[in-house]
Amino acid sequence: MRDIKFRVWDKINKEFSNHTNRDPFMDLSMGDIFYWERRQNEDGVYEGDIILKDENKNRFVLQQYTGLKNSSGKEIYEGDIVEAYDESENETFSGNVIYDQKLASFVFTNKCDTYYLTSFDLQVVGNIFQNPELIK
């Protein structure tokens, strides 16, 4: 059985969650993401934390772990950019990892083709948020 894990990209802070007790969290029953926000008064004095809901689902991007690791043991998530080497064609190509509803599978895709993750020895070279230029 594969692990069910997620990571969260914060569009405002432009970073992935770093697994602290202040990280965003998800209500699995409704699919809502909540996050902590520090409150300060007009003098800048800390007043406490409140929990807010990502109302329009426009701040956080939830990405699921595929259950696979690359050749160096790094977990592969949706949104990762992977590189594969095709021995028969003697070429390296890259693509973005997505979940394909029609295939009911995680795949990686580039502008031309879609490939099953398990068909290649993959290397994670980046992700769509921090390295979009890597998608060829």
N, C-alpha and C. Protein backbone atom coordinates (compact mmCIF):
# COMPACT_ATOMS: atom_id res chain seq x y z
N MET A 1 0.84 -1.18 0.00
CA MET A 1 0.00 0.00 0.00
C MET A 1 0.89 1.25 0.00
N ARG A 2 0.52 2.24 -0.81
CA ARG A 2 1.34 3.45 -0.87
C ARG A 2 0.90 4.46 0.18
N ASP A 3 1.85 5.30 0.56
CA ASP A 3 1.55 6.37 1.51
C ASP A 3 0.70 7.43 0.82
N ILE A 4 -0.29 7.94 1.53
CA ILE A 4 -1.09 9.06 1.04
C ILE A 4 -0.53 10.30 1.74
N LYS A 5 0.16 11.13 0.96
CA LYS A 5 0.77 12.34 1.51
C LYS A 5 0.50 13.49 0.57
N PHE A 6 0.59 14.67 1.12
CA PHE A 6 0.41 15.89 0.34
C PHE A 6 1.49 16.89 0.71
N ARG A 7 1.74 17.80 -0.19
CA ARG A 7 2.54 18.98 0.12
C ARG A 7 1.72 20.18 -0.33
N VAL A 8 2.04 21.34 0.22
CA VAL A 8 1.24 22.54 -0.06
C VAL A 8 2.16 23.66 -0.52
N TRP A 9 1.82 24.25 -1.67
CA TRP A 9 2.53 25.42 -2.17
C TRP A 9 1.74 26.66 -1.77
N ASP A 10 2.42 27.61 -1.13
CA ASP A 10 1.83 28.88 -0.72
C ASP A 10 2.15 29.91 -1.79
N LYS A 11 1.13 30.35 -2.54
CA LYS A 11 1.34 31.29 -3.65
C LYS A 11 1.79 32.66 -3.17
N ILE A 12 1.37 33.06 -1.97
CA ILE A 12 1.73 34.40 -1.47
C ILE A 12 3.18 34.43 -1.02
N ASN A 13 3.59 33.46 -0.19
CA ASN A 13 4.96 33.42 0.31
C ASN A 13 5.92 32.74 -0.66
N LYS A 14 5.38 32.14 -1.73
CA LYS A 14 6.17 31.46 -2.75
C LYS A 14 7.12 30.43 -2.15
N GLU A 15 6.51 29.52 -1.37
CA GLU A 15 7.30 28.46 -0.75
C GLU A 15 6.40 27.28 -0.42
N PHE A 16 7.04 26.11 -0.28
CA PHE A 16 6.32 24.93 0.17
C PHE A 16 6.23 24.96 1.68
N SER A 17 5.18 24.36 2.20
CA SER A 17 5.02 24.21 3.63
C SER A 17 6.24 23.49 4.19
N ASN A 18 6.70 23.91 5.35
CA ASN A 18 7.89 23.28 5.93
C ASN A 18 7.58 22.41 7.14
N HIS A 19 6.36 21.94 7.23
CA HIS A 19 5.94 20.98 8.25
C HIS A 19 6.15 21.47 9.68
N THR A 20 5.69 22.67 9.95
CA THR A 20 5.70 23.17 11.33
C THR A 20 4.26 23.19 11.82
N ASN A 21 4.07 23.50 13.08
CA ASN A 21 2.70 23.54 13.60
C ASN A 21 1.92 24.74 13.09
N ARG A 22 2.54 25.62 12.32
CA ARG A 22 1.85 26.77 11.75
C ARG A 22 1.47 26.54 10.29
N ASP A 23 1.73 25.36 9.77
CA ASP A 23 1.44 25.05 8.38
C ASP A 23 -0.04 25.02 8.09
N PRO A 24 -0.39 25.20 6.81
CA PRO A 24 -1.78 25.03 6.41
C PRO A 24 -2.23 23.60 6.69
N PHE A 25 -3.50 23.43 6.90
CA PHE A 25 -4.03 22.09 7.11
C PHE A 25 -5.35 21.96 6.38
N MET A 26 -5.75 20.72 6.14
CA MET A 26 -6.89 20.46 5.27
C MET A 26 -7.99 19.72 6.03
N ASP A 27 -9.22 20.11 5.76
CA ASP A 27 -10.39 19.38 6.25
C ASP A 27 -10.74 18.36 5.17
N LEU A 28 -10.43 17.09 5.41
CA LEU A 28 -10.63 16.07 4.40
C LEU A 28 -12.08 15.87 4.02
N SER A 29 -13.00 16.16 4.92
CA SER A 29 -14.41 15.93 4.60
C SER A 29 -14.93 16.92 3.55
N MET A 30 -14.40 18.13 3.53
CA MET A 30 -14.88 19.15 2.61
C MET A 30 -13.83 19.58 1.58
N GLY A 31 -12.58 19.19 1.80
CA GLY A 31 -11.51 19.60 0.89
C GLY A 31 -11.06 21.04 1.07
N ASP A 32 -11.38 21.65 2.22
CA ASP A 32 -11.00 23.03 2.48
C ASP A 32 -9.62 23.09 3.12
N ILE A 33 -8.88 24.14 2.80
CA ILE A 33 -7.57 24.37 3.40
C ILE A 33 -7.69 25.55 4.34
N PHE A 34 -7.15 25.38 5.55
CA PHE A 34 -7.13 26.42 6.57
C PHE A 34 -5.68 26.78 6.86
N TYR A 35 -5.46 28.00 7.37
CA TYR A 35 -4.11 28.42 7.71
C TYR A 35 -4.14 29.37 8.90
N TRP A 36 -2.98 29.51 9.52
CA TRP A 36 -2.82 30.38 10.68
C TRP A 36 -2.39 31.76 10.22
N GLU A 37 -2.87 32.77 10.91
CA GLU A 37 -2.39 34.12 10.64
C GLU A 37 -2.14 34.81 11.97
N ARG A 38 -0.98 35.45 12.07
CA ARG A 38 -0.64 36.20 13.29
C ARG A 38 -1.31 37.55 13.25
N ARG A 39 -1.86 37.95 14.36
CA ARG A 39 -2.54 39.25 14.45
C ARG A 39 -1.72 40.19 15.33
N GLN A 40 -1.63 41.44 14.88
CA GLN A 40 -0.95 42.47 15.66
C GLN A 40 -1.89 43.67 15.78
N ASN A 41 -1.75 44.40 16.89
CA ASN A 41 -2.58 45.61 17.02
C ASN A 41 -1.90 46.76 16.28
N GLU A 42 -2.48 47.94 16.37
CA GLU A 42 -1.95 49.09 15.64
C GLU A 42 -0.53 49.47 16.05
N ASP A 43 -0.14 49.12 17.30
CA ASP A 43 1.21 49.41 17.78
C ASP A 43 2.21 48.34 17.37
N GLY A 44 1.74 47.31 16.66
CA GLY A 44 2.63 46.23 16.24
C GLY A 44 2.81 45.15 17.29
N VAL A 45 2.04 45.24 18.39
CA VAL A 45 2.15 44.23 19.44
C VAL A 45 1.34 42.99 19.04
N TYR A 46 1.96 41.85 19.21
CA TYR A 46 1.35 40.57 18.86
C TYR A 46 0.13 40.30 19.74
N GLU A 47 -1.01 40.01 19.12
CA GLU A 47 -2.25 39.77 19.85
C GLU A 47 -2.68 38.30 19.87
N GLY A 48 -2.11 37.48 19.02
CA GLY A 48 -2.49 36.07 18.96
C GLY A 48 -2.68 35.59 17.54
N ASP A 49 -3.03 34.33 17.43
CA ASP A 49 -3.23 33.70 16.13
C ASP A 49 -4.71 33.47 15.87
N ILE A 50 -5.08 33.53 14.62
CA ILE A 50 -6.44 33.14 14.24
C ILE A 50 -6.31 32.12 13.10
N ILE A 51 -7.34 31.34 12.91
CA ILE A 51 -7.37 30.38 11.83
C ILE A 51 -8.30 30.91 10.74
N LEU A 52 -7.80 30.96 9.53
CA LEU A 52 -8.56 31.46 8.38
C LEU A 52 -8.72 30.35 7.35
N LYS A 53 -9.79 30.42 6.59
CA LYS A 53 -10.04 29.46 5.52
C LYS A 53 -9.60 30.07 4.19
N ASP A 54 -8.96 29.28 3.37
CA ASP A 54 -8.59 29.71 2.02
C ASP A 54 -9.87 29.70 1.19
N GLU A 55 -10.68 30.76 1.37
CA GLU A 55 -12.04 30.83 0.85
C GLU A 55 -12.17 30.51 -0.63
N ASN A 56 -11.38 31.13 -1.45
CA ASN A 56 -11.50 30.96 -2.89
C ASN A 56 -10.53 29.93 -3.45
N LYS A 57 -9.86 29.24 -2.52
CA LYS A 57 -8.85 28.24 -2.91
C LYS A 57 -7.84 28.84 -3.88
N ASN A 58 -7.44 30.08 -3.59
CA ASN A 58 -6.49 30.73 -4.48
C ASN A 58 -5.14 31.02 -3.85
N ARG A 59 -4.97 30.68 -2.57
CA ARG A 59 -3.68 30.92 -1.93
C ARG A 59 -2.80 29.66 -1.94
N PHE A 60 -3.40 28.51 -1.69
CA PHE A 60 -2.62 27.28 -1.55
C PHE A 60 -2.92 26.30 -2.67
N VAL A 61 -1.89 25.58 -3.09
CA VAL A 61 -2.04 24.53 -4.09
C VAL A 61 -1.64 23.23 -3.42
N LEU A 62 -2.59 22.31 -3.35
CA LEU A 62 -2.37 21.01 -2.73
C LEU A 62 -1.86 20.04 -3.79
N GLN A 63 -0.77 19.33 -3.49
CA GLN A 63 -0.19 18.38 -4.43
C GLN A 63 -0.01 17.04 -3.75
N GLN A 64 -0.42 15.98 -4.42
CA GLN A 64 -0.38 14.64 -3.84
C GLN A 64 0.90 13.90 -4.21
N TYR A 65 1.38 13.10 -3.27
CA TYR A 65 2.53 12.22 -3.49
C TYR A 65 2.09 11.08 -4.41
N THR A 66 2.88 10.76 -5.42
CA THR A 66 2.53 9.74 -6.39
C THR A 66 2.71 8.32 -5.86
N GLY A 67 3.45 8.19 -4.76
CA GLY A 67 3.78 6.85 -4.25
C GLY A 67 5.09 6.34 -4.82
N LEU A 68 5.71 7.12 -5.69
CA LEU A 68 6.96 6.72 -6.32
C LEU A 68 8.10 7.63 -5.89
N LYS A 69 9.31 7.09 -5.96
CA LYS A 69 10.52 7.86 -5.69
C LYS A 69 11.40 7.81 -6.92
N ASN A 70 12.22 8.83 -7.09
CA ASN A 70 13.13 8.81 -8.23
C ASN A 70 14.34 7.93 -7.90
N SER A 71 15.28 7.86 -8.82
CA SER A 71 16.42 6.95 -8.67
C SER A 71 17.30 7.28 -7.47
N SER A 72 17.24 8.51 -6.96
CA SER A 72 18.04 8.86 -5.79
C SER A 72 17.21 8.87 -4.50
N GLY A 73 15.96 8.38 -4.57
CA GLY A 73 15.14 8.25 -3.37
C GLY A 73 14.26 9.45 -3.06
N LYS A 74 14.23 10.45 -3.90
CA LYS A 74 13.39 11.64 -3.68
C LYS A 74 11.94 11.31 -4.07
N GLU A 75 11.01 11.68 -3.19
CA GLU A 75 9.60 11.45 -3.46
C GLU A 75 9.14 12.29 -4.64
N ILE A 76 8.27 11.73 -5.48
CA ILE A 76 7.74 12.43 -6.65
C ILE A 76 6.31 12.85 -6.36
N TYR A 77 6.04 14.16 -6.49
CA TYR A 77 4.73 14.75 -6.24
C TYR A 77 4.16 15.33 -7.53
N GLU A 78 2.84 15.54 -7.53
CA GLU A 78 2.22 16.31 -8.59
C GLU A 78 2.94 17.66 -8.64
N GLY A 79 3.11 18.18 -9.84
CA GLY A 79 3.77 19.48 -9.98
C GLY A 79 5.28 19.39 -10.09
N ASP A 80 5.85 18.22 -9.83
CA ASP A 80 7.29 18.07 -10.02
C ASP A 80 7.60 18.03 -11.51
N ILE A 81 8.78 18.48 -11.85
CA ILE A 81 9.28 18.36 -13.20
C ILE A 81 10.31 17.24 -13.17
N VAL A 82 10.07 16.23 -13.97
CA VAL A 82 10.95 15.07 -14.00
C VAL A 82 11.65 14.98 -15.34
N GLU A 83 12.80 14.35 -15.30
CA GLU A 83 13.59 14.13 -16.50
C GLU A 83 13.73 12.63 -16.68
N ALA A 84 13.60 12.16 -17.91
CA ALA A 84 13.72 10.73 -18.20
C ALA A 84 14.69 10.54 -19.36
N TYR A 85 15.34 9.40 -19.34
CA TYR A 85 16.23 9.05 -20.44
C TYR A 85 15.65 7.86 -21.17
N ASP A 86 15.47 8.00 -22.46
CA ASP A 86 14.94 6.93 -23.30
C ASP A 86 16.12 6.28 -24.02
N GLU A 87 16.49 5.06 -23.59
CA GLU A 87 17.64 4.38 -24.17
C GLU A 87 17.42 4.06 -25.64
N SER A 88 16.21 3.68 -26.01
CA SER A 88 15.95 3.31 -27.40
C SER A 88 16.11 4.49 -28.36
N GLU A 89 15.80 5.68 -27.89
CA GLU A 89 15.93 6.89 -28.71
C GLU A 89 17.22 7.66 -28.41
N ASN A 90 17.91 7.24 -27.35
CA ASN A 90 19.14 7.90 -26.90
C ASN A 90 18.92 9.41 -26.70
N GLU A 91 17.83 9.73 -25.97
CA GLU A 91 17.53 11.14 -25.71
C GLU A 91 16.96 11.31 -24.31
N THR A 92 17.14 12.52 -23.80
CA THR A 92 16.59 12.89 -22.50
C THR A 92 15.45 13.88 -22.74
N PHE A 93 14.36 13.69 -22.02
CA PHE A 93 13.23 14.60 -22.15
C PHE A 93 12.64 14.83 -20.77
N SER A 94 11.87 15.90 -20.63
CA SER A 94 11.31 16.24 -19.33
C SER A 94 9.82 16.48 -19.46
N GLY A 95 9.15 16.51 -18.31
CA GLY A 95 7.72 16.78 -18.29
C GLY A 95 7.24 17.09 -16.89
N ASN A 96 6.02 17.52 -16.81
CA ASN A 96 5.36 17.91 -15.56
C ASN A 96 4.50 16.75 -15.06
N VAL A 97 4.61 16.41 -13.79
CA VAL A 97 3.83 15.32 -13.21
C VAL A 97 2.42 15.82 -12.89
N ILE A 98 1.42 15.09 -13.39
CA ILE A 98 0.01 15.42 -13.14
C ILE A 98 -0.75 14.14 -12.84
N TYR A 99 -1.96 14.28 -12.33
CA TYR A 99 -2.86 13.14 -12.21
C TYR A 99 -3.83 13.22 -13.39
N ASP A 100 -3.85 12.19 -14.21
CA ASP A 100 -4.72 12.14 -15.38
C ASP A 100 -5.99 11.39 -15.03
N GLN A 101 -7.12 12.10 -15.00
CA GLN A 101 -8.41 11.50 -14.63
C GLN A 101 -8.80 10.37 -15.58
N LYS A 102 -8.59 10.56 -16.87
CA LYS A 102 -8.98 9.55 -17.86
C LYS A 102 -8.19 8.26 -17.70
N LEU A 103 -6.91 8.39 -17.41
CA LEU A 103 -6.06 7.21 -17.23
C LEU A 103 -6.09 6.70 -15.79
N ALA A 104 -6.66 7.48 -14.89
CA ALA A 104 -6.69 7.16 -13.46
C ALA A 104 -5.29 6.81 -12.96
N SER A 105 -4.34 7.66 -13.33
CA SER A 105 -2.94 7.40 -13.00
C SER A 105 -2.15 8.70 -12.98
N PHE A 106 -1.06 8.70 -12.23
CA PHE A 106 -0.11 9.80 -12.31
C PHE A 106 0.73 9.59 -13.57
N VAL A 107 0.93 10.66 -14.30
CA VAL A 107 1.72 10.62 -15.53
C VAL A 107 2.60 11.86 -15.57
N PHE A 108 3.53 11.88 -16.52
CA PHE A 108 4.20 13.15 -16.76
C PHE A 108 4.01 13.49 -18.22
N THR A 109 3.86 14.78 -18.45
CA THR A 109 3.49 15.24 -19.78
C THR A 109 4.33 16.44 -20.17
N ASN A 110 4.63 16.52 -21.45
CA ASN A 110 5.26 17.73 -21.99
C ASN A 110 4.37 18.23 -23.10
N LYS A 111 4.84 19.12 -23.91
CA LYS A 111 3.98 19.72 -24.93
C LYS A 111 3.52 18.71 -25.99
N CYS A 112 4.23 17.60 -26.11
CA CYS A 112 3.93 16.65 -27.18
C CYS A 112 3.27 15.36 -26.72
N ASP A 113 3.72 14.81 -25.61
CA ASP A 113 3.30 13.46 -25.23
C ASP A 113 3.00 13.33 -23.74
N THR A 114 2.36 12.21 -23.41
CA THR A 114 2.07 11.84 -22.03
C THR A 114 2.70 10.47 -21.78
N TYR A 115 3.37 10.33 -20.61
CA TYR A 115 4.08 9.09 -20.29
C TYR A 115 3.69 8.61 -18.90
N TYR A 116 3.62 7.29 -18.74
CA TYR A 116 3.42 6.72 -17.40
C TYR A 116 4.70 6.88 -16.60
N LEU A 117 4.56 7.22 -15.34
CA LEU A 117 5.73 7.42 -14.48
C LEU A 117 6.56 6.16 -14.35
N THR A 118 5.90 5.00 -14.33
CA THR A 118 6.60 3.75 -14.09
C THR A 118 7.35 3.25 -15.31
N SER A 119 7.25 3.91 -16.44
CA SER A 119 7.89 3.46 -17.66
C SER A 119 9.36 3.87 -17.77
N PHE A 120 9.81 4.76 -16.89
CA PHE A 120 11.16 5.30 -17.01
C PHE A 120 11.84 5.41 -15.65
N ASP A 121 13.16 5.48 -15.70
CA ASP A 121 13.96 5.82 -14.53
C ASP A 121 13.99 7.34 -14.49
N LEU A 122 13.30 7.93 -13.53
CA LEU A 122 13.09 9.38 -13.50
C LEU A 122 14.02 10.08 -12.53
N GLN A 123 14.27 11.33 -12.82
CA GLN A 123 15.01 12.21 -11.91
C GLN A 123 14.17 13.47 -11.71
N VAL A 124 13.89 13.84 -10.45
CA VAL A 124 13.19 15.10 -10.17
C VAL A 124 14.20 16.22 -10.33
N VAL A 125 13.89 17.16 -11.24
CA VAL A 125 14.82 18.26 -11.51
C VAL A 125 14.28 19.61 -11.05
N GLY A 126 13.04 19.64 -10.59
CA GLY A 126 12.45 20.89 -10.13
C GLY A 126 10.95 20.73 -9.97
N ASN A 127 10.26 21.88 -9.93
CA ASN A 127 8.80 21.87 -9.84
C ASN A 127 8.25 23.06 -10.63
N ILE A 128 6.96 23.00 -10.90
CA ILE A 128 6.34 24.00 -11.77
C ILE A 128 6.31 25.41 -11.19
N PHE A 129 6.47 25.52 -9.88
CA PHE A 129 6.41 26.84 -9.24
C PHE A 129 7.77 27.53 -9.22
N GLN A 130 8.80 26.79 -8.88
CA GLN A 130 10.12 27.37 -8.74
C GLN A 130 10.98 27.25 -9.99
N ASN A 131 10.65 26.31 -10.88
CA ASN A 131 11.47 26.07 -12.06
C ASN A 131 10.65 25.86 -13.34
N PRO A 132 9.70 26.73 -13.65
CA PRO A 132 8.86 26.49 -14.83
C PRO A 132 9.65 26.45 -16.14
N GLU A 133 10.82 27.05 -16.16
CA GLU A 133 11.64 27.08 -17.37
C GLU A 133 12.18 25.69 -17.73
N LEU A 134 12.11 24.74 -16.80
CA LEU A 134 12.63 23.40 -17.06
C LEU A 134 11.71 22.53 -17.93
N ILE A 135 10.48 22.96 -18.11
CA ILE A 135 9.57 22.20 -18.95
C ILE A 135 9.90 22.52 -20.41
N LYS A 136 10.32 21.49 -21.11
CA LYS A 136 10.76 21.67 -22.50
C LYS A 136 9.68 21.16 -23.44
